[in-house]
Protein backbone atom coordinates (compact mmCIF):
# COMPACT_ATOMS: atom_id res chain seq x y z
CA UNK A 1 0.00 0.00 0.00
CA UNK A 2 1.02 3.57 -0.56
CA UNK A 3 -0.33 7.02 -1.32
CA UNK A 4 -0.50 9.50 -4.15
CA UNK A 5 2.11 12.14 -3.21
CA UNK A 6 1.41 14.52 -6.13
CA UNK A 7 -0.89 14.80 -9.14
CA UNK A 8 -0.38 16.61 -12.43
CA UNK A 9 -3.90 16.87 -13.92
CA UNK A 10 -2.65 18.49 -17.13
CA UNK A 11 -0.30 15.62 -18.07
CA UNK A 12 -2.28 12.99 -16.12
CA UNK A 13 0.58 11.54 -14.13
CA UNK A 14 0.97 10.72 -10.45
CA UNK A 15 3.92 10.64 -8.09
CA UNK A 16 3.54 7.75 -5.64
CA UNK A 17 5.27 7.36 -2.28
CA UNK A 18 6.20 3.74 -3.07
CA UNK A 19 9.22 2.61 -5.04
CA UNK A 20 11.57 -0.28 -5.61
CA UNK A 21 12.21 -0.68 -1.86
CA UNK A 22 8.47 -1.24 -1.33
CA UNK A 23 8.11 -3.67 -4.26
CA UNK A 24 6.84 -1.33 -7.00
CA UNK A 25 7.77 -2.47 -10.50
CA UNK A 26 8.03 -0.53 -13.76
CA UNK A 27 5.00 -1.21 -16.02
CA UNK A 28 3.02 -2.45 -13.01
CA UNK A 29 -0.60 -1.38 -12.68
CA UNK A 30 -1.84 0.18 -9.45
CA UNK A 31 -5.39 0.74 -8.25
CA UNK A 32 -6.16 4.13 -6.74
CA UNK A 33 -8.91 4.36 -4.17
CA UNK A 34 -10.45 6.91 -1.88
CA UNK A 35 -12.05 5.31 1.14
CA UNK A 36 -13.76 2.19 -0.17
CA UNK A 37 -14.25 3.46 -3.76
CA UNK A 38 -12.02 2.84 -6.76
CA UNK A 39 -11.21 6.20 -8.36
CA UNK A 40 -8.83 5.01 -11.08
CA UNK A 41 -5.93 2.88 -12.21
CA UNK A 42 -2.45 3.88 -13.30
CA UNK A 43 0.58 2.24 -14.92
CA UNK A 44 3.99 2.81 -13.34
CA UNK A 45 6.44 4.28 -15.87
CA UNK A 46 9.42 5.12 -13.65
CA UNK A 47 10.64 3.61 -10.37
CA UNK A 48 13.17 5.02 -7.90
CA UNK A 49 14.13 3.67 -4.47
CA UNK A 50 11.23 5.20 -2.53
CA UNK A 51 8.94 6.75 -5.11
CA UNK A 52 7.55 6.13 -8.55
CA UNK A 53 5.74 7.94 -11.35
CA UNK A 54 2.61 6.52 -12.95
CA UNK A 55 0.32 7.52 -15.81
CA UNK A 56 -3.43 7.49 -15.20
CA UNK A 57 -5.18 4.94 -17.43
CA UNK A 58 -8.05 6.86 -19.10
CA UNK A 59 -10.18 3.74 -19.61
CA UNK A 60 -10.42 3.33 -15.82
CA UNK A 61 -11.46 6.88 -14.99
CA UNK A 62 -14.51 6.84 -12.73
CA UNK A 63 -16.85 9.52 -14.08
CA UNK A 64 -15.89 13.04 -13.01
CA UNK A 65 -13.90 11.80 -9.99
CA UNK A 66 -10.23 12.70 -10.37
CA UNK A 67 -7.31 11.10 -8.56
CA UNK A 68 -6.12 13.42 -5.78
CA UNK A 69 -3.12 13.81 -3.50
CA UNK A 70 -3.55 11.53 -0.49
CA UNK A 71 -5.56 8.83 -2.29
CA UNK A 72 -4.53 5.30 -1.38
CA UNK A 73 -2.58 3.16 -3.86
CA UNK A 74 -2.73 -0.63 -3.99
CA UNK A 75 -0.11 -2.43 -6.07
C-alpha atoms as a PDB file:
ATOM      1  CA  UNK A   1       0.000   0.000   0.000  1.00  0.00           C
ATOM      2  CA  UNK A   2       1.024   3.566  -0.561  1.00  0.00           C
ATOM      3  CA  UNK A   3      -0.333   7.023  -1.317  1.00  0.00           C
ATOM      4  CA  UNK A   4      -0.497   9.502  -4.147  1.00  0.00           C
ATOM      5  CA  UNK A   5       2.112  12.139  -3.211  1.00  0.00           C
ATOM      6  CA  UNK A   6       1.411  14.521  -6.127  1.00  0.00           C
ATOM      7  CA  UNK A   7      -0.891  14.803  -9.137  1.00  0.00           C
ATOM      8  CA  UNK A   8      -0.385  16.611 -12.425  1.00  0.00           C
ATOM      9  CA  UNK A   9      -3.896  16.869 -13.921  1.00  0.00           C
ATOM     10  CA  UNK A  10      -2.648  18.486 -17.129  1.00  0.00           C
ATOM     11  CA  UNK A  11      -0.304  15.623 -18.068  1.00  0.00           C
ATOM     12  CA  UNK A  12      -2.279  12.992 -16.122  1.00  0.00           C
ATOM     13  CA  UNK A  13       0.579  11.540 -14.129  1.00  0.00           C
ATOM     14  CA  UNK A  14       0.967  10.720 -10.449  1.00  0.00           C
ATOM     15  CA  UNK A  15       3.918  10.635  -8.088  1.00  0.00           C
ATOM     16  CA  UNK A  16       3.541   7.746  -5.639  1.00  0.00           C
ATOM     17  CA  UNK A  17       5.274   7.357  -2.280  1.00  0.00           C
ATOM     18  CA  UNK A  18       6.205   3.742  -3.065  1.00  0.00           C
ATOM     19  CA  UNK A  19       9.216   2.606  -5.037  1.00  0.00           C
ATOM     20  CA  UNK A  20      11.565  -0.280  -5.611  1.00  0.00           C
ATOM     21  CA  UNK A  21      12.212  -0.680  -1.860  1.00  0.00           C
ATOM     22  CA  UNK A  22       8.470  -1.244  -1.327  1.00  0.00           C
ATOM     23  CA  UNK A  23       8.107  -3.666  -4.262  1.00  0.00           C
ATOM     24  CA  UNK A  24       6.840  -1.332  -6.998  1.00  0.00           C
ATOM     25  CA  UNK A  25       7.771  -2.467 -10.505  1.00  0.00           C
ATOM     26  CA  UNK A  26       8.031  -0.532 -13.761  1.00  0.00           C
ATOM     27  CA  UNK A  27       4.999  -1.206 -16.015  1.00  0.00           C
ATOM     28  CA  UNK A  28       3.022  -2.446 -13.007  1.00  0.00           C
ATOM     29  CA  UNK A  29      -0.601  -1.376 -12.678  1.00  0.00           C
ATOM     30  CA  UNK A  30      -1.839   0.181  -9.449  1.00  0.00           C
ATOM     31  CA  UNK A  31      -5.388   0.742  -8.254  1.00  0.00           C
ATOM     32  CA  UNK A  32      -6.155   4.131  -6.741  1.00  0.00           C
ATOM     33  CA  UNK A  33      -8.914   4.359  -4.172  1.00  0.00           C
ATOM     34  CA  UNK A  34     -10.449   6.906  -1.885  1.00  0.00           C
ATOM     35  CA  UNK A  35     -12.047   5.314   1.144  1.00  0.00           C
ATOM     36  CA  UNK A  36     -13.756   2.190  -0.174  1.00  0.00           C
ATOM     37  CA  UNK A  37     -14.254   3.461  -3.760  1.00  0.00           C
ATOM     38  CA  UNK A  38     -12.021   2.838  -6.758  1.00  0.00           C
ATOM     39  CA  UNK A  39     -11.213   6.205  -8.359  1.00  0.00           C
ATOM     40  CA  UNK A  40      -8.829   5.006 -11.079  1.00  0.00           C
ATOM     41  CA  UNK A  41      -5.929   2.878 -12.207  1.00  0.00           C
ATOM     42  CA  UNK A  42      -2.452   3.883 -13.303  1.00  0.00           C
ATOM     43  CA  UNK A  43       0.582   2.244 -14.924  1.00  0.00           C
ATOM     44  CA  UNK A  44       3.989   2.814 -13.338  1.00  0.00           C
ATOM     45  CA  UNK A  45       6.439   4.284 -15.866  1.00  0.00           C
ATOM     46  CA  UNK A  46       9.425   5.119 -13.647  1.00  0.00           C
ATOM     47  CA  UNK A  47      10.637   3.608 -10.368  1.00  0.00           C
ATOM     48  CA  UNK A  48      13.166   5.017  -7.897  1.00  0.00           C
ATOM     49  CA  UNK A  49      14.133   3.665  -4.470  1.00  0.00           C
ATOM     50  CA  UNK A  50      11.226   5.200  -2.529  1.00  0.00           C
ATOM     51  CA  UNK A  51       8.943   6.748  -5.112  1.00  0.00           C
ATOM     52  CA  UNK A  52       7.555   6.125  -8.555  1.00  0.00           C
ATOM     53  CA  UNK A  53       5.743   7.940 -11.349  1.00  0.00           C
ATOM     54  CA  UNK A  54       2.609   6.520 -12.954  1.00  0.00           C
ATOM     55  CA  UNK A  55       0.322   7.523 -15.814  1.00  0.00           C
ATOM     56  CA  UNK A  56      -3.426   7.494 -15.200  1.00  0.00           C
ATOM     57  CA  UNK A  57      -5.176   4.943 -17.430  1.00  0.00           C
ATOM     58  CA  UNK A  58      -8.047   6.860 -19.097  1.00  0.00           C
ATOM     59  CA  UNK A  59     -10.181   3.738 -19.607  1.00  0.00           C
ATOM     60  CA  UNK A  60     -10.417   3.334 -15.818  1.00  0.00           C
ATOM     61  CA  UNK A  61     -11.456   6.885 -14.986  1.00  0.00           C
ATOM     62  CA  UNK A  62     -14.510   6.843 -12.728  1.00  0.00           C
ATOM     63  CA  UNK A  63     -16.845   9.518 -14.083  1.00  0.00           C
ATOM     64  CA  UNK A  64     -15.888  13.040 -13.008  1.00  0.00           C
ATOM     65  CA  UNK A  65     -13.904  11.800  -9.991  1.00  0.00           C
ATOM     66  CA  UNK A  66     -10.229  12.702 -10.368  1.00  0.00           C
ATOM     67  CA  UNK A  67      -7.311  11.096  -8.557  1.00  0.00           C
ATOM     68  CA  UNK A  68      -6.119  13.424  -5.779  1.00  0.00           C
ATOM     69  CA  UNK A  69      -3.122  13.808  -3.501  1.00  0.00           C
ATOM     70  CA  UNK A  70      -3.553  11.530  -0.493  1.00  0.00           C
ATOM     71  CA  UNK A  71      -5.563   8.832  -2.293  1.00  0.00           C
ATOM     72  CA  UNK A  72      -4.525   5.301  -1.384  1.00  0.00           C
ATOM     73  CA  UNK A  73      -2.581   3.163  -3.864  1.00  0.00           C
ATOM     74  CA  UNK A  74      -2.733  -0.630  -3.990  1.00  0.00           C
ATOM     75  CA  UNK A  75      -0.108  -2.428  -6.073  1.00  0.00           C
END
